[in-house]
Amino acid sequence: MTQITLGKALGAGLRRAMRDDDKVVLLGEDIGKLGGVFRITDGLLDEFGPTRVIDTPLAESGIVGMAVGLAFRGYRPVVEIQFDGFVYPAFDQIVSQVAKLHYRTQGRVKMPITIRIPWAGGIGAAEHHSESPEAYFVHTAGLRVIAVSNPEDAYRSLRQAIASDDPVIFFEPKRLYHHKGEIDLDSPLADAPPMGLARVVRAGGDATVITYGAMVTTALQAAEAAEDDGISLEVIDLRSLSPVDYDTVATSVRKTGRVVVAHEASREAGMAAEVIASVTERCFEYLESAPLRVTGHDVPYPPAKLEKYHLPDLDRLLDAVDRVLDRPNSLTGADA
């Protein structure tokens, strides 16, 4: 086992995938000589050369369009979008081409494209650098959507995404790039849990907290704090946002009967709404209270000095837990 940061785990995953398959090529702005803004691709240009680690112009639509052409020719392109807010110029290519070509050609053409997106807030960045656009891609049929929360998942899931014949939107929580964890760099990919499988990261019996990405850390902190009050929270890391592993989710909800779903993105039509609707369809007779959402606010992402008021935190999560448990110290009102 090796202890490395999430960022280094992603770099190791890219290196391993490129060594295993010479059809894997990387595309992105400043990913070669600079090693990427977050240094995820540092050292890969020296090892694999400029024909496999390609510094592109600042044109996200062109980058993804190039990846589509490479996929047509049998390559497995991995695209880095420099920041989450920069993915929108490539939205047409992703939704109109990447997501649809396999279906449009009746399966004759595969799109094994992985689109890496440094994602969400918590780093005090400038405008357009702290977006949470996952719902757009979850709503788009033909895409897999993955959101990692720890170094081990980052390493394994990225390799799985690159090996998949499906196009994958791969969200990396940028505020966790420097968080460390233990991973086994030598274990076979076949031994890893499936890319679409959710994970119970903490067992509990009183309520289920469902989340993903950097919010998994916040949920675990909330579970530890709740334990001091005698409350046992089960925390589920979805890992895959499309498809969602509802078997794991439903098993937990049927046990606890109470649900809180948390994410950084705005509340309106977000992942939490879809998860709650699906949980209600599957587990209605087991629910002891109405499920609640704890999310970012329905506003454009605020300036750095105000982002702490936007990001769901420990207090907002614990308040929602109190409300689904009908504890007397809970606040009144709708979703947090």
C-alpha atoms as a PDB file:
ATOM      1  CA  MET A   1       0.000   0.000   0.000  1.00  0.00           C
ATOM      2  CA  THR A   2       1.126   3.535  -0.795  1.00  0.00           C
ATOM      3  CA  GLN A   3      -0.111   6.780   0.759  1.00  0.00           C
ATOM      4  CA  ILE A   4      -0.501   9.506  -1.851  1.00  0.00           C
ATOM      5  CA  THR A   5      -2.742  12.490  -2.534  1.00  0.00           C
ATOM      6  CA  LEU A   6      -5.831  12.309  -4.694  1.00  0.00           C
ATOM      7  CA  GLY A   7      -4.066  14.416  -7.329  1.00  0.00           C
ATOM      8  CA  LYS A   8      -1.068  12.073  -7.432  1.00  0.00           C
ATOM      9  CA  ALA A   9      -3.435   9.091  -7.592  1.00  0.00           C
ATOM     10  CA  LEU A  10      -5.044  10.535 -10.707  1.00  0.00           C
ATOM     11  CA  GLY A  11      -1.631  11.046 -12.292  1.00  0.00           C
ATOM     12  CA  ALA A  12      -0.689   7.461 -11.418  1.00  0.00           C
ATOM     13  CA  GLY A  13      -3.942   6.231 -12.954  1.00  0.00           C
ATOM     14  CA  LEU A  14      -3.216   8.076 -16.196  1.00  0.00           C
ATOM     15  CA  ARG A  15       0.347   6.747 -16.296  1.00  0.00           C
ATOM     16  CA  ARG A  16      -0.797   3.149 -15.733  1.00  0.00           C
ATOM     17  CA  ALA A  17      -3.511   3.423 -18.402  1.00  0.00           C
ATOM     18  CA  MET A  18      -1.021   4.835 -20.922  1.00  0.00           C
ATOM     19  CA  ARG A  19       1.486   2.085 -20.204  1.00  0.00           C
ATOM     20  CA  ASP A  20      -1.184  -0.588 -20.540  1.00  0.00           C
ATOM     21  CA  ASP A  21      -2.606   0.691 -23.862  1.00  0.00           C
ATOM     22  CA  ASP A  22      -0.732   2.756 -26.425  1.00  0.00           C
ATOM     23  CA  LYS A  23      -4.058   3.952 -27.845  1.00  0.00           C
ATOM     24  CA  VAL A  24      -4.603   6.117 -24.747  1.00  0.00           C
ATOM     25  CA  VAL A  25      -3.794   9.746 -25.558  1.00  0.00           C
ATOM     26  CA  LEU A  26      -4.189  12.877 -23.436  1.00  0.00           C
ATOM     27  CA  LEU A  27      -5.528  16.205 -24.691  1.00  0.00           C
ATOM     28  CA  GLY A  28      -5.830  19.506 -22.843  1.00  0.00           C
ATOM     29  CA  GLU A  29      -4.668  23.016 -22.183  1.00  0.00           C
ATOM     30  CA  ASP A  30      -1.179  23.186 -20.599  1.00  0.00           C
ATOM     31  CA  ILE A  31      -1.160  19.466 -19.718  1.00  0.00           C
ATOM     32  CA  GLY A  32       2.230  18.832 -21.350  1.00  0.00           C
ATOM     33  CA  LYS A  33       5.108  21.116 -20.434  1.00  0.00           C
ATOM     34  CA  LEU A  34       3.289  22.627 -17.454  1.00  0.00           C
ATOM     35  CA  GLY A  35       1.813  19.326 -16.260  1.00  0.00           C
ATOM     36  CA  GLY A  36      -1.645  20.861 -15.945  1.00  0.00           C
ATOM     37  CA  VAL A  37      -2.867  23.652 -13.696  1.00  0.00           C
ATOM     38  CA  PHE A  38      -3.141  21.172 -10.816  1.00  0.00           C
ATOM     39  CA  ARG A  39      -0.047  19.196 -11.957  1.00  0.00           C
ATOM     40  CA  ILE A  40      -2.084  16.023 -12.496  1.00  0.00           C
ATOM     41  CA  THR A  41      -0.243  15.243 -15.743  1.00  0.00           C
ATOM     42  CA  ASP A  42       3.184  16.255 -14.453  1.00  0.00           C
ATOM     43  CA  GLY A  43       5.952  14.097 -15.971  1.00  0.00           C
ATOM     44  CA  LEU A  44       3.757  12.353 -18.549  1.00  0.00           C
ATOM     45  CA  LEU A  45       5.062  14.407 -21.482  1.00  0.00           C
ATOM     46  CA  ASP A  46       8.630  13.325 -20.706  1.00  0.00           C
ATOM     47  CA  GLU A  47       7.629   9.665 -20.493  1.00  0.00           C
ATOM     48  CA  PHE A  48       5.219   9.383 -23.419  1.00  0.00           C
ATOM     49  CA  GLY A  49       6.111  12.265 -25.745  1.00  0.00           C
ATOM     50  CA  PRO A  50       4.129  15.012 -27.493  1.00  0.00           C
ATOM     51  CA  THR A  51       2.131  12.641 -29.727  1.00  0.00           C
ATOM     52  CA  ARG A  52       0.400  11.135 -26.683  1.00  0.00           C
ATOM     53  CA  VAL A  53       0.367  14.126 -24.313  1.00  0.00           C
ATOM     54  CA  ILE A  54      -0.953  16.939 -26.477  1.00  0.00           C
ATOM     55  CA  ASP A  55      -0.997  20.592 -25.453  1.00  0.00           C
ATOM     56  CA  THR A  56      -4.046  22.030 -27.188  1.00  0.00           C
ATOM     57  CA  PRO A  57      -5.204  25.549 -28.004  1.00  0.00           C
ATOM     58  CA  LEU A  58      -7.602  27.250 -25.569  1.00  0.00           C
ATOM     59  CA  ALA A  59     -10.686  25.910 -27.346  1.00  0.00           C
ATOM     60  CA  GLU A  60     -12.711  23.367 -25.394  1.00  0.00           C
ATOM     61  CA  SER A  61     -15.092  22.639 -28.265  1.00  0.00           C
ATOM     62  CA  GLY A  62     -12.105  21.916 -30.495  1.00  0.00           C
ATOM     63  CA  ILE A  63     -10.471  19.710 -27.851  1.00  0.00           C
ATOM     64  CA  VAL A  64     -13.541  17.506 -27.470  1.00  0.00           C
ATOM     65  CA  GLY A  65     -14.118  17.538 -31.237  1.00  0.00           C
ATOM     66  CA  MET A  66     -10.581  16.250 -31.723  1.00  0.00           C
ATOM     67  CA  ALA A  67     -11.278  13.522 -29.165  1.00  0.00           C
ATOM     68  CA  VAL A  68     -14.344  12.447 -31.158  1.00  0.00           C
ATOM     69  CA  GLY A  69     -12.207  12.066 -34.274  1.00  0.00           C
ATOM     70  CA  LEU A  70      -9.574  10.089 -32.375  1.00  0.00           C
ATOM     71  CA  ALA A  71     -12.234   7.782 -30.930  1.00  0.00           C
ATOM     72  CA  PHE A  72     -13.534   7.162 -34.454  1.00  0.00           C
ATOM     73  CA  ARG A  73     -10.032   5.927 -35.328  1.00  0.00           C
ATOM     74  CA  GLY A  74      -9.779   3.518 -32.413  1.00  0.00           C
ATOM     75  CA  TYR A  75      -7.968   5.687 -29.860  1.00  0.00           C
ATOM     76  CA  ARG A  76      -8.976   6.204 -26.225  1.00  0.00           C
ATOM     77  CA  PRO A  77      -8.644   9.943 -25.705  1.00  0.00           C
ATOM     78  CA  VAL A  78      -8.602  11.453 -22.218  1.00  0.00           C
ATOM     79  CA  VAL A  79      -9.570  15.121 -22.237  1.00  0.00           C
ATOM     80  CA  GLU A  80      -8.740  17.509 -19.423  1.00  0.00           C
ATOM     81  CA  ILE A  81     -11.066  20.481 -19.045  1.00  0.00           C
ATOM     82  CA  GLN A  82      -8.927  22.936 -17.125  1.00  0.00           C
ATOM     83  CA  PHE A  83     -11.732  24.108 -14.793  1.00  0.00           C
ATOM     84  CA  ASP A  84     -15.360  23.063 -14.402  1.00  0.00           C
ATOM     85  CA  GLY A  85     -16.740  26.378 -15.690  1.00  0.00           C
ATOM     86  CA  PHE A  86     -14.775  25.979 -18.923  1.00  0.00           C
ATOM     87  CA  VAL A  87     -16.714  22.878 -19.998  1.00  0.00           C
ATOM     88  CA  TYR A  88     -19.649  24.900 -21.332  1.00  0.00           C
ATOM     89  CA  PRO A  89     -18.007  25.801 -24.688  1.00  0.00           C
ATOM     90  CA  ALA A  90     -17.660  22.034 -25.243  1.00  0.00           C
ATOM     91  CA  PHE A  91     -21.241  21.293 -24.206  1.00  0.00           C
ATOM     92  CA  ASP A  92     -22.527  20.980 -27.775  1.00  0.00           C
ATOM     93  CA  GLN A  93     -19.806  18.494 -28.714  1.00  0.00           C
ATOM     94  CA  ILE A  94     -20.420  16.418 -25.581  1.00  0.00           C
ATOM     95  CA  VAL A  95     -24.217  16.349 -25.776  1.00  0.00           C
ATOM     96  CA  SER A  96     -24.693  16.276 -29.556  1.00  0.00           C
ATOM     97  CA  GLN A  97     -21.742  14.067 -30.562  1.00  0.00           C
ATOM     98  CA  VAL A  98     -20.014  12.213 -27.737  1.00  0.00           C
ATOM     99  CA  ALA A  99     -23.236  11.074 -26.058  1.00  0.00           C
ATOM    100  CA  LYS A 100     -25.092  10.118 -29.249  1.00  0.00           C
ATOM    101  CA  LEU A 101     -22.690   8.614 -31.788  1.00  0.00           C
ATOM    102  CA  HIS A 102     -22.850   5.041 -30.465  1.00  0.00           C
ATOM    103  CA  TYR A 103     -26.664   5.127 -30.593  1.00  0.00           C
ATOM    104  CA  ARG A 104     -26.785   7.021 -33.874  1.00  0.00           C
ATOM    105  CA  THR A 105     -24.590   4.434 -35.621  1.00  0.00           C
ATOM    106  CA  GLN A 106     -26.552   1.490 -34.145  1.00  0.00           C
ATOM    107  CA  GLY A 107     -23.514   0.440 -32.136  1.00  0.00           C
ATOM    108  CA  ARG A 108     -21.005   0.443 -34.992  1.00  0.00           C
ATOM    109  CA  VAL A 109     -19.023   3.361 -33.536  1.00  0.00           C
ATOM    110  CA  LYS A 110     -17.800   3.479 -29.946  1.00  0.00           C
ATOM    111  CA  MET A 111     -16.869   6.648 -28.077  1.00  0.00           C
ATOM    112  CA  PRO A 112     -14.325   5.568 -25.419  1.00  0.00           C
ATOM    113  CA  ILE A 113     -13.667   9.166 -24.361  1.00  0.00           C
ATOM    114  CA  THR A 114     -12.938  10.193 -20.780  1.00  0.00           C
ATOM    115  CA  ILE A 115     -13.509  13.868 -19.982  1.00  0.00           C
ATOM    116  CA  ARG A 116     -11.770  14.871 -16.738  1.00  0.00           C
ATOM    117  CA  ILE A 117     -13.197  17.930 -15.001  1.00  0.00           C
ATOM    118  CA  PRO A 118     -11.668  19.569 -11.877  1.00  0.00           C
ATOM    119  CA  TRP A 119     -14.920  20.370 -10.148  1.00  0.00           C
ATOM    120  CA  ALA A 120     -16.841  22.261  -7.462  1.00  0.00           C
ATOM    121  CA  GLY A 121     -15.756  24.812  -4.873  1.00  0.00           C
ATOM    122  CA  GLY A 122     -13.854  25.242  -1.671  1.00  0.00           C
ATOM    123  CA  ILE A 123     -10.583  26.660  -3.008  1.00  0.00           C
ATOM    124  CA  GLY A 124     -11.424  30.371  -3.150  1.00  0.00           C
ATOM    125  CA  ALA A 125     -11.180  30.523  -6.927  1.00  0.00           C
ATOM    126  CA  ALA A 126     -12.262  33.246  -9.340  1.00  0.00           C
ATOM    127  CA  GLU A 127     -15.462  33.362 -11.392  1.00  0.00           C
ATOM    128  CA  HIS A 128     -16.135  30.318 -13.645  1.00  0.00           C
ATOM    129  CA  HIS A 129     -13.671  28.219 -11.622  1.00  0.00           C
ATOM    130  CA  SER A 130     -16.016  26.637  -9.060  1.00  0.00           C
ATOM    131  CA  GLU A 131     -19.030  25.303 -10.938  1.00  0.00           C
ATOM    132  CA  SER A 132     -21.020  22.128 -10.232  1.00  0.00           C
ATOM    133  CA  PRO A 133     -22.457  21.171 -13.648  1.00  0.00           C
ATOM    134  CA  GLU A 134     -23.070  17.469 -12.999  1.00  0.00           C
ATOM    135  CA  ALA A 135     -26.867  17.605 -13.465  1.00  0.00           C
ATOM    136  CA  TYR A 136     -26.487  18.690 -17.107  1.00  0.00           C
ATOM    137  CA  PHE A 137     -24.544  15.541 -17.920  1.00  0.00           C
ATOM    138  CA  VAL A 138     -26.598  13.202 -15.744  1.00  0.00           C
ATOM    139  CA  HIS A 139     -29.642  14.350 -17.738  1.00  0.00           C
ATOM    140  CA  THR A 140     -27.884  13.454 -21.005  1.00  0.00           C
ATOM    141  CA  ALA A 141     -28.517   9.877 -22.116  1.00  0.00           C
ATOM    142  CA  GLY A 142     -25.410   8.116 -23.415  1.00  0.00           C
ATOM    143  CA  LEU A 143     -22.926   9.397 -20.844  1.00  0.00           C
ATOM    144  CA  ARG A 144     -21.552   7.797 -17.712  1.00  0.00           C
ATOM    145  CA  VAL A 145     -20.941  10.321 -14.944  1.00  0.00           C
ATOM    146  CA  ILE A 146     -18.439   9.565 -12.151  1.00  0.00           C
ATOM    147  CA  ALA A 147     -17.556  11.662  -9.093  1.00  0.00           C
ATOM    148  CA  VAL A 148     -14.660  10.490  -6.929  1.00  0.00           C
ATOM    149  CA  SER A 149     -14.051  11.307  -3.267  1.00  0.00           C
ATOM    150  CA  ASN A 150     -10.735   9.685  -2.256  1.00  0.00           C
ATOM    151  CA  PRO A 151      -7.362   8.667  -3.740  1.00  0.00           C
ATOM    152  CA  GLU A 152      -8.184   4.967  -4.097  1.00  0.00           C
ATOM    153  CA  ASP A 153     -11.369   5.669  -6.039  1.00  0.00           C
ATOM    154  CA  ALA A 154      -9.585   8.294  -8.111  1.00  0.00           C
ATOM    155  CA  TYR A 155      -6.888   5.811  -9.167  1.00  0.00           C
ATOM    156  CA  ARG A 156      -9.155   2.854  -9.890  1.00  0.00           C
ATOM    157  CA  SER A 157     -12.179   4.634 -11.307  1.00  0.00           C
ATOM    158  CA  LEU A 158     -10.067   6.683 -13.720  1.00  0.00           C
ATOM    159  CA  ARG A 159      -8.451   3.526 -15.070  1.00  0.00           C
ATOM    160  CA  GLN A 160     -11.889   1.909 -15.377  1.00  0.00           C
ATOM    161  CA  ALA A 161     -13.251   4.968 -17.167  1.00  0.00           C
ATOM    162  CA  ILE A 162     -10.413   4.951 -19.699  1.00  0.00           C
ATOM    163  CA  ALA A 163     -10.858   1.204 -20.309  1.00  0.00           C
ATOM    164  CA  SER A 164     -14.621   1.591 -20.786  1.00  0.00           C
ATOM    165  CA  ASP A 165     -16.101   1.766 -24.271  1.00  0.00           C
ATOM    166  CA  ASP A 166     -18.652   4.295 -22.955  1.00  0.00           C
ATOM    167  CA  PRO A 167     -17.953   8.027 -22.804  1.00  0.00           C
ATOM    168  CA  VAL A 168     -17.342   9.077 -19.202  1.00  0.00           C
ATOM    169  CA  ILE A 169     -17.615  12.490 -17.571  1.00  0.00           C
ATOM    170  CA  PHE A 170     -15.142  12.227 -14.702  1.00  0.00           C
ATOM    171  CA  PHE A 171     -15.527  14.784 -11.918  1.00  0.00           C
ATOM    172  CA  GLU A 172     -12.554  15.410  -9.617  1.00  0.00           C
ATOM    173  CA  PRO A 173     -13.203  17.483  -6.449  1.00  0.00           C
ATOM    174  CA  LYS A 174     -10.455  20.042  -6.664  1.00  0.00           C
ATOM    175  CA  ARG A 175     -10.522  20.877  -2.940  1.00  0.00           C
ATOM    176  CA  LEU A 176      -9.499  17.262  -2.253  1.00  0.00           C
ATOM    177  CA  TYR A 177      -6.539  17.152  -4.657  1.00  0.00           C
ATOM    178  CA  HIS A 178      -4.118  17.331  -1.718  1.00  0.00           C
ATOM    179  CA  HIS A 179      -5.960  14.911   0.582  1.00  0.00           C
ATOM    180  CA  LYS A 180      -4.011  11.710   1.186  1.00  0.00           C
ATOM    181  CA  GLY A 181      -5.106   8.102   1.314  1.00  0.00           C
ATOM    182  CA  GLU A 182      -3.784   4.555   1.035  1.00  0.00           C
ATOM    183  CA  ILE A 183      -3.953   2.812  -2.328  1.00  0.00           C
ATOM    184  CA  ASP A 184      -2.480  -0.317  -3.864  1.00  0.00           C
ATOM    185  CA  LEU A 185      -0.916   0.765  -7.146  1.00  0.00           C
ATOM    186  CA  ASP A 186      -0.197  -2.820  -8.183  1.00  0.00           C
ATOM    187  CA  SER A 187      -3.578  -4.513  -7.693  1.00  0.00           C
ATOM    188  CA  PRO A 188      -5.258  -5.758 -10.905  1.00  0.00           C
ATOM    189  CA  LEU A 189      -8.040  -3.603 -12.274  1.00  0.00           C
ATOM    190  CA  ALA A 190     -10.257  -6.686 -12.411  1.00  0.00           C
ATOM    191  CA  ASP A 191     -10.211  -6.802  -8.587  1.00  0.00           C
ATOM    192  CA  ALA A 192     -11.603  -3.277  -8.202  1.00  0.00           C
ATOM    193  CA  PRO A 193     -15.305  -2.774  -7.412  1.00  0.00           C
ATOM    194  CA  PRO A 194     -17.390  -1.898 -10.488  1.00  0.00           C
ATOM    195  CA  MET A 195     -17.232   1.740 -11.533  1.00  0.00           C
ATOM    196  CA  GLY A 196     -20.998   2.143 -11.096  1.00  0.00           C
ATOM    197  CA  LEU A 197     -21.224   0.699  -7.584  1.00  0.00           C
ATOM    198  CA  ALA A 198     -22.067   2.969  -4.631  1.00  0.00           C
ATOM    199  CA  ARG A 199     -20.179   2.457  -1.376  1.00  0.00           C
ATOM    200  CA  VAL A 200     -21.293   2.511   2.235  1.00  0.00           C
ATOM    201  CA  VAL A 201     -18.442   4.455   3.801  1.00  0.00           C
ATOM    202  CA  ARG A 202     -19.905   4.419   7.299  1.00  0.00           C
ATOM    203  CA  ALA A 203     -22.556   2.063   8.640  1.00  0.00           C
ATOM    204  CA  GLY A 204     -25.392   3.371  10.802  1.00  0.00           C
ATOM    205  CA  GLY A 205     -28.982   2.759  11.737  1.00  0.00           C
ATOM    206  CA  ASP A 206     -30.847   6.032  12.405  1.00  0.00           C
ATOM    207  CA  ALA A 207     -30.672   7.876   9.067  1.00  0.00           C
ATOM    208  CA  THR A 208     -28.990   7.593   5.662  1.00  0.00           C
ATOM    209  CA  VAL A 209     -26.887  10.448   4.293  1.00  0.00           C
ATOM    210  CA  ILE A 210     -26.353  10.133   0.536  1.00  0.00           C
ATOM    211  CA  THR A 211     -23.721  12.246  -1.182  1.00  0.00           C
ATOM    212  CA  TYR A 212     -20.663  12.265  -3.468  1.00  0.00           C
ATOM    213  CA  GLY A 213     -17.402  14.070  -4.173  1.00  0.00           C
ATOM    214  CA  ALA A 214     -15.984  16.381  -1.519  1.00  0.00           C
ATOM    215  CA  MET A 215     -19.269  16.277   0.383  1.00  0.00           C
ATOM    216  CA  VAL A 216     -18.430  12.722   1.479  1.00  0.00           C
ATOM    217  CA  THR A 217     -15.818  14.208   3.831  1.00  0.00           C
ATOM    218  CA  THR A 218     -18.394  16.650   5.230  1.00  0.00           C
ATOM    219  CA  ALA A 219     -20.926  13.837   5.689  1.00  0.00           C
ATOM    220  CA  LEU A 220     -18.402  11.729   7.597  1.00  0.00           C
ATOM    221  CA  GLN A 221     -17.633  14.688   9.861  1.00  0.00           C
ATOM    222  CA  ALA A 222     -21.369  15.101  10.456  1.00  0.00           C
ATOM    223  CA  ALA A 223     -21.682  11.402  11.307  1.00  0.00           C
ATOM    224  CA  GLU A 224     -18.888  11.686  13.876  1.00  0.00           C
ATOM    225  CA  ALA A 225     -20.504  14.757  15.436  1.00  0.00           C
ATOM    226  CA  ALA A 226     -23.937  13.098  15.501  1.00  0.00           C
ATOM    227  CA  GLU A 227     -22.473  10.099  17.280  1.00  0.00           C
ATOM    228  CA  ASP A 228     -21.760  12.350  20.272  1.00  0.00           C
ATOM    229  CA  ASP A 229     -25.541  12.850  20.533  1.00  0.00           C
ATOM    230  CA  GLY A 230     -26.241   9.148  20.234  1.00  0.00           C
ATOM    231  CA  ILE A 231     -27.296   9.330  16.564  1.00  0.00           C
ATOM    232  CA  SER A 232     -26.018   6.667  14.167  1.00  0.00           C
ATOM    233  CA  LEU A 233     -25.729   7.886  10.563  1.00  0.00           C
ATOM    234  CA  GLU A 234     -25.104   5.671   7.558  1.00  0.00           C
ATOM    235  CA  VAL A 235     -23.089   7.524   4.880  1.00  0.00           C
ATOM    236  CA  ILE A 236     -23.268   6.447   1.237  1.00  0.00           C
ATOM    237  CA  ASP A 237     -20.833   7.677  -1.412  1.00  0.00           C
ATOM    238  CA  LEU A 238     -22.692   7.363  -4.723  1.00  0.00           C
ATOM    239  CA  ARG A 239     -19.440   7.349  -6.756  1.00  0.00           C
ATOM    240  CA  SER A 240     -21.468   6.980  -9.967  1.00  0.00           C
ATOM    241  CA  LEU A 241     -24.054   9.665 -10.717  1.00  0.00           C
ATOM    242  CA  SER A 242     -25.181   8.040 -13.954  1.00  0.00           C
ATOM    243  CA  PRO A 243     -26.124   5.303 -13.576  1.00  0.00           C
ATOM    244  CA  VAL A 244     -26.898   5.416  -9.838  1.00  0.00           C
ATOM    245  CA  ASP A 245     -26.580   2.223  -7.818  1.00  0.00           C
ATOM    246  CA  TYR A 246     -30.077   2.294  -6.315  1.00  0.00           C
ATOM    247  CA  ASP A 247     -29.772  -1.235  -4.967  1.00  0.00           C
ATOM    248  CA  THR A 248     -27.189  -0.095  -2.406  1.00  0.00           C
ATOM    249  CA  VAL A 249     -29.149   3.072  -1.669  1.00  0.00           C
ATOM    250  CA  ALA A 250     -32.467   1.252  -1.235  1.00  0.00           C
ATOM    251  CA  THR A 251     -30.945  -1.355   1.090  1.00  0.00           C
ATOM    252  CA  SER A 252     -29.771   1.432   3.393  1.00  0.00           C
ATOM    253  CA  VAL A 253     -33.030   3.392   3.268  1.00  0.00           C
ATOM    254  CA  ARG A 254     -35.094   0.312   4.084  1.00  0.00           C
ATOM    255  CA  LYS A 255     -32.908  -0.120   7.144  1.00  0.00           C
ATOM    256  CA  THR A 256     -32.940   3.453   8.452  1.00  0.00           C
ATOM    257  CA  GLY A 257     -36.229   4.849   7.113  1.00  0.00           C
ATOM    258  CA  ARG A 258     -34.815   8.377   6.963  1.00  0.00           C
ATOM    259  CA  VAL A 259     -32.874  10.109   4.192  1.00  0.00           C
ATOM    260  CA  VAL A 260     -30.753  13.238   3.711  1.00  0.00           C
ATOM    261  CA  VAL A 261     -29.142  13.900   0.315  1.00  0.00           C
ATOM    262  CA  ALA A 262     -26.347  16.463   0.048  1.00  0.00           C
ATOM    263  CA  HIS A 263     -24.417  18.096  -2.784  1.00  0.00           C
ATOM    264  CA  GLU A 264     -22.667  21.379  -3.583  1.00  0.00           C
ATOM    265  CA  ALA A 265     -24.661  22.120  -6.750  1.00  0.00           C
ATOM    266  CA  SER A 266     -27.736  24.326  -6.666  1.00  0.00           C
ATOM    267  CA  ARG A 267     -30.908  22.751  -5.324  1.00  0.00           C
ATOM    268  CA  GLU A 268     -33.305  23.249  -8.245  1.00  0.00           C
ATOM    269  CA  ALA A 269     -33.451  20.112 -10.419  1.00  0.00           C
ATOM    270  CA  GLY A 270     -30.197  18.837  -8.906  1.00  0.00           C
ATOM    271  CA  MET A 271     -29.001  15.304  -8.235  1.00  0.00           C
ATOM    272  CA  ALA A 272     -30.668  15.321  -4.818  1.00  0.00           C
ATOM    273  CA  ALA A 273     -34.109  15.804  -6.356  1.00  0.00           C
ATOM    274  CA  GLU A 274     -33.599  12.812  -8.658  1.00  0.00           C
ATOM    275  CA  VAL A 275     -32.219  10.600  -5.894  1.00  0.00           C
ATOM    276  CA  ILE A 276     -35.096  11.481  -3.543  1.00  0.00           C
ATOM    277  CA  ALA A 277     -37.696  10.841  -6.244  1.00  0.00           C
ATOM    278  CA  SER A 278     -36.149   7.473  -7.064  1.00  0.00           C
ATOM    279  CA  VAL A 279     -35.807   6.516  -3.389  1.00  0.00           C
ATOM    280  CA  THR A 280     -39.454   7.437  -2.800  1.00  0.00           C
ATOM    281  CA  GLU A 281     -40.552   5.258  -5.720  1.00  0.00           C
ATOM    282  CA  ARG A 282     -38.584   2.287  -4.428  1.00  0.00           C
ATOM    283  CA  CYS A 283     -38.892   2.677  -0.656  1.00  0.00           C
ATOM    284  CA  PHE A 284     -42.038   4.698   0.067  1.00  0.00           C
ATOM    285  CA  GLU A 285     -43.489   2.226   2.559  1.00  0.00           C
ATOM    286  CA  TYR A 286     -40.210   2.207   4.537  1.00  0.00           C
ATOM    287  CA  LEU A 287     -39.872   5.982   4.938  1.00  0.00           C
ATOM    288  CA  GLU A 288     -40.514   7.347   8.443  1.00  0.00           C
ATOM    289  CA  SER A 289     -40.219  10.999   7.356  1.00  0.00           C
ATOM    290  CA  ALA A 290     -39.933  13.072   4.202  1.00  0.00           C
ATOM    291  CA  PRO A 291     -36.417  12.970   2.678  1.00  0.00           C
ATOM    292  CA  LEU A 292     -34.517  16.272   2.774  1.00  0.00           C
ATOM    293  CA  ARG A 293     -31.918  17.987   0.577  1.00  0.00           C
ATOM    294  CA  VAL A 294     -28.879  19.941   1.732  1.00  0.00           C
ATOM    295  CA  THR A 295     -27.425  21.771  -1.259  1.00  0.00           C
ATOM    296  CA  GLY A 296     -25.831  24.897  -2.603  1.00  0.00           C
ATOM    297  CA  HIS A 297     -28.139  27.863  -3.070  1.00  0.00           C
ATOM    298  CA  ASP A 298     -29.923  28.753  -6.312  1.00  0.00           C
ATOM    299  CA  VAL A 299     -27.503  31.548  -7.157  1.00  0.00           C
ATOM    300  CA  PRO A 300     -24.480  31.891  -9.437  1.00  0.00           C
ATOM    301  CA  TYR A 301     -21.400  30.698  -7.562  1.00  0.00           C
ATOM    302  CA  PRO A 302     -20.468  33.494  -5.150  1.00  0.00           C
ATOM    303  CA  PRO A 303     -17.136  35.315  -4.812  1.00  0.00           C
ATOM    304  CA  ALA A 304     -14.424  33.559  -2.827  1.00  0.00           C
ATOM    305  CA  LYS A 305     -15.127  35.523   0.369  1.00  0.00           C
ATOM    306  CA  LEU A 306     -18.740  34.315   0.366  1.00  0.00           C
ATOM    307  CA  GLU A 307     -18.381  30.694  -0.732  1.00  0.00           C
ATOM    308  CA  LYS A 308     -18.446  29.383   2.843  1.00  0.00           C
ATOM    309  CA  TYR A 309     -22.094  30.522   2.993  1.00  0.00           C
ATOM    310  CA  HIS A 310     -22.867  28.653  -0.226  1.00  0.00           C
ATOM    311  CA  LEU A 311     -21.216  25.308   0.435  1.00  0.00           C
ATOM    312  CA  PRO A 312     -23.217  22.864   2.574  1.00  0.00           C
ATOM    313  CA  ASP A 313     -21.424  22.475   5.881  1.00  0.00           C
ATOM    314  CA  LEU A 314     -21.542  20.407   9.032  1.00  0.00           C
ATOM    315  CA  ASP A 315     -24.236  22.532  10.695  1.00  0.00           C
ATOM    316  CA  ARG A 316     -26.602  22.445   7.719  1.00  0.00           C
ATOM    317  CA  LEU A 317     -26.217  18.688   7.407  1.00  0.00           C
ATOM    318  CA  LEU A 318     -26.815  18.086  11.105  1.00  0.00           C
ATOM    319  CA  ASP A 319     -29.866  20.349  11.052  1.00  0.00           C
ATOM    320  CA  ALA A 320     -31.355  18.236   8.244  1.00  0.00           C
ATOM    321  CA  VAL A 321     -30.600  15.090  10.234  1.00  0.00           C
ATOM    322  CA  ASP A 322     -32.416  16.563  13.244  1.00  0.00           C
ATOM    323  CA  ARG A 323     -35.414  17.348  11.062  1.00  0.00           C
ATOM    324  CA  VAL A 324     -35.752  13.886   9.502  1.00  0.00           C
ATOM    325  CA  LEU A 325     -35.442  12.450  13.033  1.00  0.00           C
ATOM    326  CA  ASP A 326     -38.020  15.001  14.282  1.00  0.00           C
ATOM    327  CA  ARG A 327     -35.688  16.121  17.028  1.00  0.00           C
ATOM    328  CA  PRO A 328     -36.967  19.128  19.017  1.00  0.00           C
ATOM    329  CA  ASN A 329     -33.904  21.319  18.393  1.00  0.00           C
ATOM    330  CA  SER A 330     -34.288  21.167  14.621  1.00  0.00           C
ATOM    331  CA  LEU A 331     -35.146  24.287  12.627  1.00  0.00           C
ATOM    332  CA  THR A 332     -38.399  24.674  10.735  1.00  0.00           C
ATOM    333  CA  GLY A 333     -38.716  25.175   7.019  1.00  0.00           C
ATOM    334  CA  ALA A 334     -38.100  23.428   3.728  1.00  0.00           C
ATOM    335  CA  ASP A 335     -34.927  21.837   2.468  1.00  0.00           C
ATOM    336  CA  ALA A 336     -31.638  23.277   3.713  1.00  0.00           C
END
